[in-house]
């Protein structure tokens, strides 16, 4: 649909939701008041709703990233406090094995931590 509202020649062709309005010559000046809500709905559908949905996606993506970081931090805190993978998995709604696979440091991470910052093993 175009951005314009079209005046149609008969009542039978009128479809306000599609932007087709019938108005007698003497009624033309009151059409905007009569169909204000319809015109506004068409404009919102054409110009606002898509961008609003995209903005909602962006907000949700950011919220997911924050929640993921919060989860990572909470798991690290739980491990530092001595909690088991079983307890962490239960709190996260997953199995002990899945929790360990997701959050346990890899062998390379452990080796790098032992060497300290800025140092590499001879193998790496």
PDB file of N, CA and C in Angstrom:
ATOM      1  N   UNK A   1       0.838  -1.179   0.000  1.00  0.00           N
ATOM      2  CA  UNK A   1       0.000   0.000   0.000  1.00  0.00           C
ATOM      3  C   UNK A   1       0.879   1.237   0.000  1.00  0.00           C
ATOM      4  N   UNK A   2       0.437   2.270  -0.669  1.00  0.00           N
ATOM      5  CA  UNK A   2       1.206   3.513  -0.675  1.00  0.00           C
ATOM      6  C   UNK A   2       0.934   4.272   0.608  1.00  0.00           C
ATOM      7  N   UNK A   3       1.653   5.368   0.789  1.00  0.00           N
ATOM      8  CA  UNK A   3       1.450   6.197   1.967  1.00  0.00           C
ATOM      9  C   UNK A   3       0.205   7.063   1.841  1.00  0.00           C
ATOM     10  N   UNK A   4      -0.431   7.095   0.688  1.00  0.00           N
ATOM     11  CA  UNK A   4      -1.583   7.952   0.454  1.00  0.00           C
ATOM     12  C   UNK A   4      -2.880   7.236   0.753  1.00  0.00           C
ATOM     13  N   UNK A   5      -3.857   8.014   1.165  1.00  0.00           N
ATOM     14  CA  UNK A   5      -5.208   7.528   1.322  1.00  0.00           C
ATOM     15  C   UNK A   5      -5.932   7.881   0.030  1.00  0.00           C
ATOM     16  N   UNK A   6      -6.576   6.914  -0.588  1.00  0.00           N
ATOM     17  CA  UNK A   6      -7.235   7.146  -1.876  1.00  0.00           C
ATOM     18  C   UNK A   6      -8.735   7.323  -1.686  1.00  0.00           C
ATOM     19  N   UNK A   7      -9.274   8.256  -2.408  1.00  0.00           N
ATOM     20  CA  UNK A   7     -10.720   8.464  -2.426  1.00  0.00           C
ATOM     21  C   UNK A   7     -11.282   7.599  -3.548  1.00  0.00           C
ATOM     22  N   UNK A   8     -12.236   6.739  -3.211  1.00  0.00           N
ATOM     23  CA  UNK A   8     -12.833   5.839  -4.202  1.00  0.00           C
ATOM     24  C   UNK A   8     -14.200   6.367  -4.613  1.00  0.00           C
ATOM     25  N   UNK A   9     -14.678   5.989  -5.819  1.00  0.00           N
ATOM     26  CA  UNK A   9     -15.902   6.584  -6.355  1.00  0.00           C
ATOM     27  C   UNK A   9     -17.213   6.012  -5.822  1.00  0.00           C
ATOM     28  N   UNK A  10     -17.173   4.931  -5.046  1.00  0.00           N
ATOM     29  CA  UNK A  10     -18.436   4.388  -4.539  1.00  0.00           C
ATOM     30  C   UNK A  10     -18.233   3.778  -3.160  1.00  0.00           C
ATOM     31  N   UNK A  11     -19.320   3.696  -2.410  1.00  0.00           N
ATOM     32  CA  UNK A  11     -19.308   3.105  -1.075  1.00  0.00           C
ATOM     33  C   UNK A  11     -18.863   1.639  -1.143  1.00  0.00           C
ATOM     34  N   UNK A  12     -19.211   0.951  -2.213  1.00  0.00           N
ATOM     35  CA  UNK A  12     -18.872  -0.471  -2.354  1.00  0.00           C
ATOM     36  C   UNK A  12     -17.369  -0.701  -2.424  1.00  0.00           C
ATOM     37  N   UNK A  13     -16.611   0.283  -2.881  1.00  0.00           N
ATOM     38  CA  UNK A  13     -15.158   0.141  -3.018  1.00  0.00           C
ATOM     39  C   UNK A  13     -14.406   0.587  -1.766  1.00  0.00           C
ATOM     40  N   UNK A  14     -15.121   1.143  -0.816  1.00  0.00           N
ATOM     41  CA  UNK A  14     -14.455   1.668   0.383  1.00  0.00           C
ATOM     42  C   UNK A  14     -13.876   0.548   1.236  1.00  0.00           C
ATOM     43  N   UNK A  15     -12.641   0.752   1.690  1.00  0.00           N
ATOM     44  CA  UNK A  15     -11.973  -0.141   2.638  1.00  0.00           C
ATOM     45  C   UNK A  15     -10.995   0.717   3.431  1.00  0.00           C
ATOM     46  N   UNK A  16     -11.456   1.326   4.510  1.00  0.00           N
ATOM     47  CA  UNK A  16     -10.598   2.251   5.261  1.00  0.00           C
ATOM     48  C   UNK A  16      -9.286   1.627   5.727  1.00  0.00           C
ATOM     49  N   UNK A  17      -9.309   0.356   6.111  1.00  0.00           N
ATOM     50  CA  UNK A  17      -8.074  -0.274   6.596  1.00  0.00           C
ATOM     51  C   UNK A  17      -7.036  -0.421   5.491  1.00  0.00           C
ATOM     52  N   UNK A  18      -7.479  -0.359   4.231  1.00  0.00           N
ATOM     53  CA  UNK A  18      -6.560  -0.412   3.089  1.00  0.00           C
ATOM     54  C   UNK A  18      -6.315   0.974   2.515  1.00  0.00           C
ATOM     55  N   UNK A  19      -6.853   1.999   3.174  1.00  0.00           N
ATOM     56  CA  UNK A  19      -6.615   3.358   2.713  1.00  0.00           C
ATOM     57  C   UNK A  19      -7.545   3.817   1.596  1.00  0.00           C
ATOM     58  N   UNK A  20      -8.662   3.109   1.383  1.00  0.00           N
ATOM     59  CA  UNK A  20      -9.629   3.485   0.343  1.00  0.00           C
ATOM     60  C   UNK A  20     -10.871   4.045   1.021  1.00  0.00           C
ATOM     61  N   UNK A  21     -11.107   5.331   0.820  1.00  0.00           N
ATOM     62  CA  UNK A  21     -12.195   6.037   1.487  1.00  0.00           C
ATOM     63  C   UNK A  21     -13.180   6.571   0.459  1.00  0.00           C
ATOM     64  N   UNK A  22     -14.472   6.372   0.738  1.00  0.00           N
ATOM     65  CA  UNK A  22     -15.509   6.988  -0.095  1.00  0.00           C
ATOM     66  C   UNK A  22     -16.029   8.207   0.639  1.00  0.00           C
ATOM     67  N   UNK A  23     -16.131   9.317  -0.058  1.00  0.00           N
ATOM     68  CA  UNK A  23     -16.703  10.534   0.519  1.00  0.00           C
ATOM     69  C   UNK A  23     -17.385  11.313  -0.592  1.00  0.00           C
ATOM     70  N   UNK A  24     -18.600  11.768  -0.309  1.00  0.00           N
ATOM     71  CA  UNK A  24     -19.294  12.669  -1.235  1.00  0.00           C
ATOM     72  C   UNK A  24     -18.514  13.975  -1.310  1.00  0.00           C
ATOM     73  N   UNK A  25     -18.726  14.730  -2.367  1.00  0.00           N
ATOM     74  CA  UNK A  25     -18.020  15.998  -2.513  1.00  0.00           C
ATOM     75  C   UNK A  25     -18.226  16.919  -1.319  1.00  0.00           C
ATOM     76  N   UNK A  26     -19.429  16.963  -0.767  1.00  0.00           N
ATOM     77  CA  UNK A  26     -19.681  17.855   0.367  1.00  0.00           C
ATOM     78  C   UNK A  26     -19.144  17.294   1.688  1.00  0.00           C
ATOM     79  N   UNK A  27     -18.731  16.013   1.733  1.00  0.00           N
ATOM     80  CA  UNK A  27     -18.192  15.404   2.954  1.00  0.00           C
ATOM     81  C   UNK A  27     -16.668  15.355   2.998  1.00  0.00           C
ATOM     82  N   UNK A  28     -16.011  15.751   1.928  1.00  0.00           N
ATOM     83  CA  UNK A  28     -14.557  15.587   1.823  1.00  0.00           C
ATOM     84  C   UNK A  28     -13.827  16.273   2.974  1.00  0.00           C
ATOM     85  N   UNK A  29     -14.278  17.447   3.370  1.00  0.00           N
ATOM     86  CA  UNK A  29     -13.544  18.185   4.392  1.00  0.00           C
ATOM     87  C   UNK A  29     -13.631  17.575   5.785  1.00  0.00           C
ATOM     88  N   UNK A  30     -14.605  16.702   6.029  1.00  0.00           N
ATOM     89  CA  UNK A  30     -14.727  16.061   7.337  1.00  0.00           C
ATOM     90  C   UNK A  30     -14.145  14.665   7.396  1.00  0.00           C
ATOM     91  N   UNK A  31     -13.611  14.192   6.293  1.00  0.00           N
ATOM     92  CA  UNK A  31     -13.114  12.817   6.234  1.00  0.00           C
ATOM     93  C   UNK A  31     -11.990  12.578   7.226  1.00  0.00           C
ATOM     94  N   UNK A  32     -11.081  13.509   7.351  1.00  0.00           N
ATOM     95  CA  UNK A  32      -9.953  13.280   8.258  1.00  0.00           C
ATOM     96  C   UNK A  32     -10.418  13.096   9.696  1.00  0.00           C
ATOM     97  N   UNK A  33     -11.468  13.814  10.108  1.00  0.00           N
ATOM     98  CA  UNK A  33     -11.995  13.628  11.459  1.00  0.00           C
ATOM     99  C   UNK A  33     -12.708  12.284  11.597  1.00  0.00           C
ATOM    100  N   UNK A  34     -13.463  11.900  10.589  1.00  0.00           N
ATOM    101  CA  UNK A  34     -14.229  10.652  10.618  1.00  0.00           C
ATOM    102  C   UNK A  34     -13.317   9.436  10.687  1.00  0.00           C
ATOM    103  N   UNK A  35     -12.213   9.477   9.953  1.00  0.00           N
ATOM    104  CA  UNK A  35     -11.327   8.312   9.841  1.00  0.00           C
ATOM    105  C   UNK A  35      -9.984   8.505  10.552  1.00  0.00           C
ATOM    106  N   UNK A  36      -9.925   9.418  11.486  1.00  0.00           N
ATOM    107  CA  UNK A  36      -8.653   9.706  12.156  1.00  0.00           C
ATOM    108  C   UNK A  36      -8.012   8.447  12.738  1.00  0.00           C
ATOM    109  N   UNK A  37      -8.785   7.649  13.469  1.00  0.00           N
ATOM    110  CA  UNK A  37      -8.220   6.434  14.074  1.00  0.00           C
ATOM    111  C   UNK A  37      -7.740   5.451  13.009  1.00  0.00           C
ATOM    112  N   UNK A  38      -8.499   5.322  11.927  1.00  0.00           N
ATOM    113  CA  UNK A  38      -8.102   4.424  10.841  1.00  0.00           C
ATOM    114  C   UNK A  38      -6.825   4.915  10.182  1.00  0.00           C
ATOM    115  N   UNK A  39      -6.748   6.221   9.898  1.00  0.00           N
ATOM    116  CA  UNK A  39      -5.550   6.790   9.280  1.00  0.00           C
ATOM    117  C   UNK A  39      -4.338   6.611  10.194  1.00  0.00           C
ATOM    118  N   UNK A  40      -4.554   6.825  11.471  1.00  0.00           N
ATOM    119  CA  UNK A  40      -3.464   6.663  12.435  1.00  0.00           C
ATOM    120  C   UNK A  40      -2.990   5.213  12.474  1.00  0.00           C
ATOM    121  N   UNK A  41      -3.926   4.273  12.455  1.00  0.00           N
ATOM    122  CA  UNK A  41      -3.562   2.850  12.471  1.00  0.00           C
ATOM    123  C   UNK A  41      -2.779   2.473  11.218  1.00  0.00           C
ATOM    124  N   UNK A  42      -3.204   3.000  10.070  1.00  0.00           N
ATOM    125  CA  UNK A  42      -2.481   2.725   8.820  1.00  0.00           C
ATOM    126  C   UNK A  42      -1.072   3.295   8.905  1.00  0.00           C
ATOM    127  N   UNK A  43      -0.955   4.516   9.373  1.00  0.00           N
ATOM    128  CA  UNK A  43       0.363   5.155   9.479  1.00  0.00           C
ATOM    129  C   UNK A  43       1.266   4.374  10.431  1.00  0.00           C
ATOM    130  N   UNK A  44       0.721   3.969  11.578  1.00  0.00           N
ATOM    131  CA  UNK A  44       1.523   3.193  12.536  1.00  0.00           C
ATOM    132  C   UNK A  44       1.981   1.873  11.914  1.00  0.00           C
ATOM    133  N   UNK A  45       1.067   1.189  11.217  1.00  0.00           N
ATOM    134  CA  UNK A  45       1.428  -0.089  10.586  1.00  0.00           C
ATOM    135  C   UNK A  45       2.525   0.110   9.553  1.00  0.00           C
ATOM    136  N   UNK A  46       2.418   1.171   8.767  1.00  0.00           N
ATOM    137  CA  UNK A  46       3.371   1.429   7.682  1.00  0.00           C
ATOM    138  C   UNK A  46       4.716   1.964   8.173  1.00  0.00           C
ATOM    139  N   UNK A  47       4.714   2.740   9.267  1.00  0.00           N
ATOM    140  CA  UNK A  47       5.923   3.483   9.633  1.00  0.00           C
ATOM    141  C   UNK A  47       6.476   3.214  11.025  1.00  0.00           C
ATOM    142  N   UNK A  48       5.696   2.619  11.902  1.00  0.00           N
ATOM    143  CA  UNK A  48       6.145   2.498  13.286  1.00  0.00           C
ATOM    144  C   UNK A  48       6.311   1.050  13.728  1.00  0.00           C
ATOM    145  N   UNK A  49       5.358   0.194  13.410  1.00  0.00           N
ATOM    146  CA  UNK A  49       5.354  -1.150  13.970  1.00  0.00           C
ATOM    147  C   UNK A  49       6.601  -1.960  13.631  1.00  0.00           C
ATOM    148  N   UNK A  50       7.063  -1.880  12.399  1.00  0.00           N
ATOM    149  CA  UNK A  50       8.266  -2.622  12.021  1.00  0.00           C
ATOM    150  C   UNK A  50       9.479  -2.173  12.808  1.00  0.00           C
ATOM    151  N   UNK A  51       9.658  -0.851  12.921  1.00  0.00           N
ATOM    152  CA  UNK A  51      10.803  -0.330  13.668  1.00  0.00           C
ATOM    153  C   UNK A  51      10.671  -0.657  15.154  1.00  0.00           C
ATOM    154  N   UNK A  52       9.452  -0.604  15.673  1.00  0.00           N
ATOM    155  CA  UNK A  52       9.232  -0.969  17.074  1.00  0.00           C
ATOM    156  C   UNK A  52       9.622  -2.417  17.324  1.00  0.00           C
ATOM    157  N   UNK A  53       9.270  -3.296  16.400  1.00  0.00           N
ATOM    158  CA  UNK A  53       9.631  -4.711  16.538  1.00  0.00           C
ATOM    159  C   UNK A  53      11.145  -4.893  16.487  1.00  0.00           C
ATOM    160  N   UNK A  54      11.807  -4.171  15.580  1.00  0.00           N
ATOM    161  CA  UNK A  54      13.269  -4.251  15.502  1.00  0.00           C
ATOM    162  C   UNK A  54      13.913  -3.726  16.774  1.00  0.00           C
ATOM    163  N   UNK A  55      13.378  -2.654  17.316  1.00  0.00           N
ATOM    164  CA  UNK A  55      13.898  -2.121  18.582  1.00  0.00           C
ATOM    165  C   UNK A  55      13.711  -3.128  19.711  1.00  0.00           C
ATOM    166  N   UNK A  56      12.581  -3.825  19.713  1.00  0.00           N
ATOM    167  CA  UNK A  56      12.335  -4.850  20.736  1.00  0.00           C
ATOM    168  C   UNK A  56      13.343  -5.992  20.620  1.00  0.00           C
ATOM    169  N   UNK A  57      13.689  -6.359  19.398  1.00  0.00           N
ATOM    170  CA  UNK A  57      14.702  -7.402  19.185  1.00  0.00           C
ATOM    171  C   UNK A  57      16.043  -6.948  19.758  1.00  0.00           C
ATOM    172  N   UNK A  58      16.426  -5.721  19.479  1.00  0.00           N
ATOM    173  CA  UNK A  58      17.695  -5.187  19.987  1.00  0.00           C
ATOM    174  C   UNK A  58      17.698  -5.176  21.514  1.00  0.00           C
ATOM    175  N   UNK A  59      16.612  -4.708  22.130  1.00  0.00           N
ATOM    176  CA  UNK A  59      16.531  -4.694  23.597  1.00  0.00           C
ATOM    177  C   UNK A  59      16.610  -6.104  24.164  1.00  0.00           C
ATOM    178  N   UNK A  60      15.909  -7.054  23.534  1.00  0.00           N
ATOM    179  CA  UNK A  60      15.921  -8.437  24.016  1.00  0.00           C
ATOM    180  C   UNK A  60      17.310  -9.054  23.884  1.00  0.00           C
ATOM    181  N   UNK A  61      17.974  -8.780  22.758  1.00  0.00           N
ATOM    182  CA  UNK A  61      19.331  -9.311  22.553  1.00  0.00           C
ATOM    183  C   UNK A  61      20.266  -8.788  23.632  1.00  0.00           C
ATOM    184  N   UNK A  62      20.163  -7.503  23.935  1.00  0.00           N
ATOM    185  CA  UNK A  62      21.010  -6.917  24.989  1.00  0.00           C
ATOM    186  C   UNK A  62      20.691  -7.520  26.348  1.00  0.00           C
ATOM    187  N   UNK A  63      19.405  -7.734  26.620  1.00  0.00           N
ATOM    188  CA  UNK A  63      19.007  -8.329  27.897  1.00  0.00           C
ATOM    189  C   UNK A  63      19.539  -9.758  28.017  1.00  0.00           C
ATOM    190  N   UNK A  64      19.512 -10.499  26.918  1.00  0.00           N
ATOM    191  CA  UNK A  64      20.051 -11.861  26.925  1.00  0.00           C
ATOM    192  C   UNK A  64      21.558 -11.825  27.207  1.00  0.00           C
ATOM    193  N   UNK A  65      22.273 -10.903  26.591  1.00  0.00           N
ATOM    194  CA  UNK A  65      23.721 -10.795  26.812  1.00  0.00           C
ATOM    195  C   UNK A  65      24.022 -10.479  28.280  1.00  0.00           C
ATOM    196  N   UNK A  66      23.247  -9.573  28.868  1.00  0.00           N
ATOM    197  CA  UNK A  66      23.431  -9.234  30.280  1.00  0.00           C
ATOM    198  C   UNK A  66      23.117 -10.443  31.150  1.00  0.00           C
ATOM    199  N   UNK A  67      22.021 -11.136  30.842  1.00  0.00           N
ATOM    200  CA  UNK A  67      21.648 -12.317  31.624  1.00  0.00           C
ATOM    201  C   UNK A  67      22.709 -13.411  31.504  1.00  0.00           C
ATOM    202  N   UNK A  68      23.249 -13.600  30.308  1.00  0.00           N
ATOM    203  CA  UNK A  68      24.311 -14.604  30.120  1.00  0.00           C
ATOM    204  C   UNK A  68      25.540 -14.252  30.964  1.00  0.00           C
ATOM    205  N   UNK A  69      25.915 -12.975  30.988  1.00  0.00           N
ATOM    206  CA  UNK A  69      27.065 -12.564  31.787  1.00  0.00           C
ATOM    207  C   UNK A  69      26.770 -12.739  33.275  1.00  0.00           C
ATOM    208  N   UNK A  70      25.545 -12.412  33.697  1.00  0.00           N
ATOM    209  CA  UNK A  70      25.149 -12.618  35.091  1.00  0.00           C
ATOM    210  C   UNK A  70      25.248 -14.101  35.461  1.00  0.00           C
ATOM    211  N   UNK A  71      24.828 -14.971  34.549  1.00  0.00           N
ATOM    212  CA  UNK A  71      24.894 -16.405  34.790  1.00  0.00           C
ATOM    213  C   UNK A  71      26.348 -16.866  34.898  1.00  0.00           C
ATOM    214  N   UNK A  72      27.188 -16.400  33.982  1.00  0.00           N
ATOM    215  CA  UNK A  72      28.619 -16.746  34.033  1.00  0.00           C
ATOM    216  C   UNK A  72      29.226 -16.316  35.373  1.00  0.00           C
ATOM    217  N   UNK A  73      28.926 -15.087  35.794  1.00  0.00           N
ATOM    218  CA  UNK A  73      29.463 -14.561  37.060  1.00  0.00           C
ATOM    219  C   UNK A  73      28.956 -15.363  38.252  1.00  0.00           C
ATOM    220  N   UNK A  74      27.667 -15.743  38.213  1.00  0.00           N
ATOM    221  CA  UNK A  74      27.092 -16.507  39.317  1.00  0.00           C
ATOM    222  C   UNK A  74      27.726 -17.900  39.410  1.00  0.00           C
ATOM    223  N   UNK A  75      27.952 -18.524  38.273  1.00  0.00           N
ATOM    224  CA  UNK A  75      28.598 -19.840  38.279  1.00  0.00           C
ATOM    225  C   UNK A  75      30.016 -19.724  38.827  1.00  0.00           C
ATOM    226  N   UNK A  76      30.738 -18.715  38.395  1.00  0.00           N
ATOM    227  CA  UNK A  76      32.103 -18.515  38.901  1.00  0.00           C
ATOM    228  C   UNK A  76      32.091 -18.294  40.419  1.00  0.00           C
ATOM    229  N   UNK A  77      31.130 -17.520  40.897  1.00  0.00           N
ATOM    230  CA  UNK A  77      31.013 -17.292  42.345  1.00  0.00           C
ATOM    231  C   UNK A  77      30.676 -18.579  43.085  1.00  0.00           C
ATOM    232  N   UNK A  78      29.771 -19.356  42.516  1.00  0.00           N
ATOM    233  CA  UNK A  78      29.391 -20.621  43.151  1.00  0.00           C
ATOM    234  C   UNK A  78      30.584 -21.567  43.223  1.00  0.00           C
ATOM    235  N   UNK A  79      31.347 -21.648  42.141  1.00  0.00           N
ATOM    236  CA  UNK A  79      32.537 -22.518  42.154  1.00  0.00           C
ATOM    237  C   UNK A  79      33.568 -22.013  43.161  1.00  0.00           C
ATOM    238  N   UNK A  80      33.755 -20.693  43.206  1.00  0.00           N
ATOM    239  CA  UNK A  80      34.707 -20.114  44.172  1.00  0.00           C
ATOM    240  C   UNK A  80      34.272 -20.388  45.607  1.00  0.00           C
ATOM    241  N   UNK A  81      32.971 -20.492  45.813  1.00  0.00           N
ATOM    242  CA  UNK A  81      32.439 -20.777  47.151  1.00  0.00           C
ATOM    243  C   UNK A  81      32.422 -22.275  47.449  1.00  0.00           C
ATOM    244  N   UNK A  82      32.897 -23.089  46.503  1.00  0.00           N
ATOM    245  CA  UNK A  82      33.011 -24.520  46.736  1.00  0.00           C
ATOM    246  C   UNK A  82      31.788 -25.339  46.354  1.00  0.00           C
ATOM    247  N   UNK A  83      30.855 -24.750  45.642  1.00  0.00           N
ATOM    248  CA  UNK A  83      29.666 -25.503  45.234  1.00  0.00           C
ATOM    249  C   UNK A  83      30.043 -26.532  44.165  1.00  0.00           C
ATOM    250  N   UNK A  84      29.333 -27.662  44.183  1.00  0.00           N
ATOM    251  CA  UNK A  84      29.613 -28.755  43.248  1.00  0.00           C
ATOM    252  C   UNK A  84      28.960 -28.482  41.892  1.00  0.00           C
ATOM    253  N   UNK A  85      29.451 -29.217  40.883  1.00  0.00           N
ATOM    254  CA  UNK A  85      28.829 -29.119  39.566  1.00  0.00           C
ATOM    255  C   UNK A  85      27.392 -29.628  39.604  1.00  0.00           C
ATOM    256  N   UNK A  86      27.144 -30.590  40.497  1.00  0.00           N
ATOM    257  CA  UNK A  86      25.782 -31.092  40.637  1.00  0.00           C
ATOM    258  C   UNK A  86      24.850 -29.984  41.143  1.00  0.00           C
ATOM    259  N   UNK A  87      25.268 -29.251  42.166  1.00  0.00           N
ATOM    260  CA  UNK A  87      24.448 -28.162  42.715  1.00  0.00           C
ATOM    261  C   UNK A  87      24.277 -27.041  41.693  1.00  0.00           C
ATOM    262  N   UNK A  88      25.334 -26.725  40.982  1.00  0.00           N
ATOM    263  CA  UNK A  88      25.271 -25.673  39.960  1.00  0.00           C
ATOM    264  C   UNK A  88      24.339 -26.099  38.833  1.00  0.00           C
ATOM    265  N   UNK A  89      24.474 -27.344  38.392  1.00  0.00           N
ATOM    266  CA  UNK A  89      23.590 -27.852  37.342  1.00  0.00           C
ATOM    267  C   UNK A  89      22.133 -27.807  37.765  1.00  0.00           C
ATOM    268  N   UNK A  90      21.876 -28.237  39.005  1.00  0.00           N
ATOM    269  CA  UNK A  90      20.503 -28.223  39.517  1.00  0.00           C
ATOM    270  C   UNK A  90      19.957 -26.787  39.523  1.00  0.00           C
ATOM    271  N   UNK A  91      20.764 -25.824  39.982  1.00  0.00           N
ATOM    272  CA  UNK A  91      20.321 -24.421  40.023  1.00  0.00           C
ATOM    273  C   UNK A  91      20.085 -23.869  38.614  1.00  0.00           C
ATOM    274  N   UNK A  92      20.860 -24.345  37.650  1.00  0.00           N
ATOM    275  CA  UNK A  92      20.740 -23.870  36.265  1.00  0.00           C
ATOM    276  C   UNK A  92      19.704 -24.651  35.466  1.00  0.00           C
ATOM    277  N   UNK A  93      19.151 -25.700  36.058  1.00  0.00           N
ATOM    278  CA  UNK A  93      18.143 -26.489  35.362  1.00  0.00           C
ATOM    279  C   UNK A  93      18.724 -27.430  34.334  1.00  0.00           C
ATOM    280  N   UNK A  94      19.982 -27.836  34.551  1.00  0.00           N
ATOM    281  CA  UNK A  94      20.645 -28.765  33.641  1.00  0.00           C
ATOM    282  C   UNK A  94      21.346 -29.844  34.463  1.00  0.00           C
ATOM    283  N   UNK A  95      21.907 -30.834  33.798  1.00  0.00           N
ATOM    284  CA  UNK A  95      22.597 -31.903  34.518  1.00  0.00           C
ATOM    285  C   UNK A  95      23.973 -31.439  34.985  1.00  0.00           C
ATOM    286  N   UNK A  96      24.521 -32.197  35.920  1.00  0.00           N
ATOM    287  CA  UNK A  96      25.874 -31.936  36.416  1.00  0.00           C
ATOM    288  C   UNK A  96      26.870 -31.976  35.258  1.00  0.00           C
ATOM    289  N   UNK A  97      26.702 -32.961  34.375  1.00  0.00           N
ATOM    290  CA  UNK A  97      27.608 -33.112  33.241  1.00  0.00           C
ATOM    291  C   UNK A  97      27.514 -31.905  32.300  1.00  0.00           C
ATOM    292  N   UNK A  98      26.290 -31.447  32.049  1.00  0.00           N
ATOM    293  CA  UNK A  98      26.117 -30.284  31.164  1.00  0.00           C
ATOM    294  C   UNK A  98      26.713 -29.024  31.783  1.00  0.00           C
ATOM    295  N   UNK A  99      26.528 -28.861  33.086  1.00  0.00           N
ATOM    296  CA  UNK A  99      27.098 -27.694  33.768  1.00  0.00           C
ATOM    297  C   UNK A  99      28.622 -27.721  33.679  1.00  0.00           C
ATOM    298  N   UNK A 100      29.194 -28.889  33.924  1.00  0.00           N
ATOM    299  CA  UNK A 100      30.657 -29.013  33.857  1.00  0.00           C
ATOM    300  C   UNK A 100      31.158 -28.738  32.445  1.00  0.00           C
ATOM    301  N   UNK A 101      30.473 -29.313  31.458  1.00  0.00           N
ATOM    302  CA  UNK A 101      30.893 -29.116  30.063  1.00  0.00           C
ATOM    303  C   UNK A 101      30.800 -27.644  29.661  1.00  0.00           C
ATOM    304  N   UNK A 102      29.802 -26.964  30.180  1.00  0.00           N
ATOM    305  CA  UNK A 102      29.606 -25.553  29.790  1.00  0.00           C
ATOM    306  C   UNK A 102      30.556 -24.607  30.499  1.00  0.00           C
ATOM    307  N   UNK A 103      30.763 -24.826  31.814  1.00  0.00           N
ATOM    308  CA  UNK A 103      31.469 -23.792  32.579  1.00  0.00           C
ATOM    309  C   UNK A 103      32.828 -24.185  33.152  1.00  0.00           C
ATOM    310  N   UNK A 104      33.177 -25.450  33.113  1.00  0.00           N
ATOM    311  CA  UNK A 104      34.481 -25.825  33.663  1.00  0.00           C
ATOM    312  C   UNK A 104      35.580 -25.267  32.771  1.00  0.00           C
ATOM    313  N   UNK A 105      36.644 -24.759  33.363  1.00  0.00           N
ATOM    314  CA  UNK A 105      37.737 -24.255  32.532  1.00  0.00           C
ATOM    315  C   UNK A 105      38.382 -25.393  31.740  1.00  0.00           C
ATOM    316  N   UNK A 106      38.797 -25.087  30.533  1.00  0.00           N
ATOM    317  CA  UNK A 106      39.466 -26.097  29.707  1.00  0.00           C
ATOM    318  C   UNK A 106      40.877 -26.334  30.241  1.00  0.00           C
ATOM    319  N   UNK A 107      41.511 -27.409  29.775  1.00  0.00           N
ATOM    320  CA  UNK A 107      42.888 -27.693  30.189  1.00  0.00           C
ATOM    321  C   UNK A 107      43.809 -26.539  29.818  1.00  0.00           C
ATOM    322  N   UNK A 108      43.584 -25.919  28.667  1.00  0.00           N
ATOM    323  CA  UNK A 108      44.409 -24.790  28.236  1.00  0.00           C
ATOM    324  C   UNK A 108      44.223 -23.603  29.171  1.00  0.00           C
ATOM    325  N   UNK A 109      42.976 -23.368  29.633  1.00  0.00           N
ATOM    326  CA  UNK A 109      42.721 -22.267  30.571  1.00  0.00           C
ATOM    327  C   UNK A 109      43.440 -22.506  31.892  1.00  0.00           C
ATOM    328  N   UNK A 110      43.404 -23.741  32.360  1.00  0.00           N
ATOM    329  CA  UNK A 110      44.057 -24.089  33.620  1.00  0.00           C
ATOM    330  C   UNK A 110      45.567 -23.905  33.497  1.00  0.00           C
ATOM    331  N   UNK A 111      46.132 -24.374  32.383  1.00  0.00           N
ATOM    332  CA  UNK A 111      47.578 -24.242  32.173  1.00  0.00           C
ATOM    333  C   UNK A 111      47.982 -22.774  32.078  1.00  0.00           C
ATOM    334  N   UNK A 112      47.207 -21.977  31.385  1.00  0.00           N
ATOM    335  CA  UNK A 112      47.511 -20.552  31.248  1.00  0.00           C
ATOM    336  C   UNK A 112      47.431 -19.853  32.597  1.00  0.00           C
ATOM    337  N   UNK A 113      46.478 -20.236  33.427  1.00  0.00           N
ATOM    338  CA  UNK A 113      46.329 -19.625  34.750  1.00  0.00           C
ATOM    339  C   UNK A 113      47.522 -19.957  35.636  1.00  0.00           C
ATOM    340  N   UNK A 114      48.065 -21.165  35.474  1.00  0.00           N
ATOM    341  CA  UNK A 114      49.229 -21.560  36.271  1.00  0.00           C
ATOM    342  C   UNK A 114      50.473 -20.787  35.862  1.00  0.00           C
ATOM    343  N   UNK A 115      50.599 -20.453  34.570  1.00  0.00           N
ATOM    344  CA  UNK A 115      51.758 -19.718  34.081  1.00  0.00           C
ATOM    345  C   UNK A 115      51.711 -18.245  34.478  1.00  0.00           C
ATOM    346  N   UNK A 116      50.528 -17.736  34.661  1.00  0.00           N
ATOM    347  CA  UNK A 116      50.390 -16.327  35.021  1.00  0.00           C
ATOM    348  C   UNK A 116      50.165 -15.476  33.780  1.00  0.00           C
ATOM    349  N   UNK A 117      49.824 -14.201  33.983  1.00  0.00           N
ATOM    350  CA  UNK A 117      49.524 -13.313  32.851  1.00  0.00           C
ATOM    351  C   UNK A 117      50.748 -13.061  31.973  1.00  0.00           C
ATOM    352  N   UNK A 118      50.515 -13.053  30.679  1.00  0.00           N
ATOM    353  CA  UNK A 118      51.569 -12.699  29.726  1.00  0.00           C
ATOM    354  C   UNK A 118      52.576 -13.789  29.441  1.00  0.00           C
ATOM    355  N   UNK A 119      52.404 -14.973  30.016  1.00  0.00           N
ATOM    356  CA  UNK A 119      53.366 -16.065  29.784  1.00  0.00           C
ATOM    357  C   UNK A 119      52.668 -17.176  29.045  1.00  0.00           C
ATOM    358  N   UNK A 120      53.399 -17.868  28.210  1.00  0.00           N
ATOM    359  CA  UNK A 120      52.850 -18.968  27.422  1.00  0.00           C
ATOM    360  C   UNK A 120      53.673 -20.223  27.664  1.00  0.00           C
ATOM    361  N   UNK A 121      53.022 -21.365  27.516  1.00  0.00           N
ATOM    362  CA  UNK A 121      53.764 -22.615  27.633  1.00  0.00           C
ATOM    363  C   UNK A 121      54.602 -22.819  26.370  1.00  0.00           C
ATOM    364  N   UNK A 122      55.565 -23.719  26.443  1.00  0.00           N
ATOM    365  CA  UNK A 122      56.409 -24.009  25.288  1.00  0.00           C
ATOM    366  C   UNK A 122      55.600 -24.653  24.179  1.00  0.00           C
ATOM    367  N   UNK A 123      54.526 -25.360  24.521  1.00  0.00           N
ATOM    368  CA  UNK A 123      53.710 -26.013  23.514  1.00  0.00           C
ATOM    369  C   UNK A 123      52.837 -25.008  22.774  1.00  0.00           C
ATOM    370  N   UNK A 124      52.410 -23.899  23.415  1.00  0.00           N
ATOM    371  CA  UNK A 124      51.486 -22.952  22.814  1.00  0.00           C
ATOM    372  C   UNK A 124      52.218 -21.869  22.200  1.00  0.00           C
TER     373      UNK A 124
END
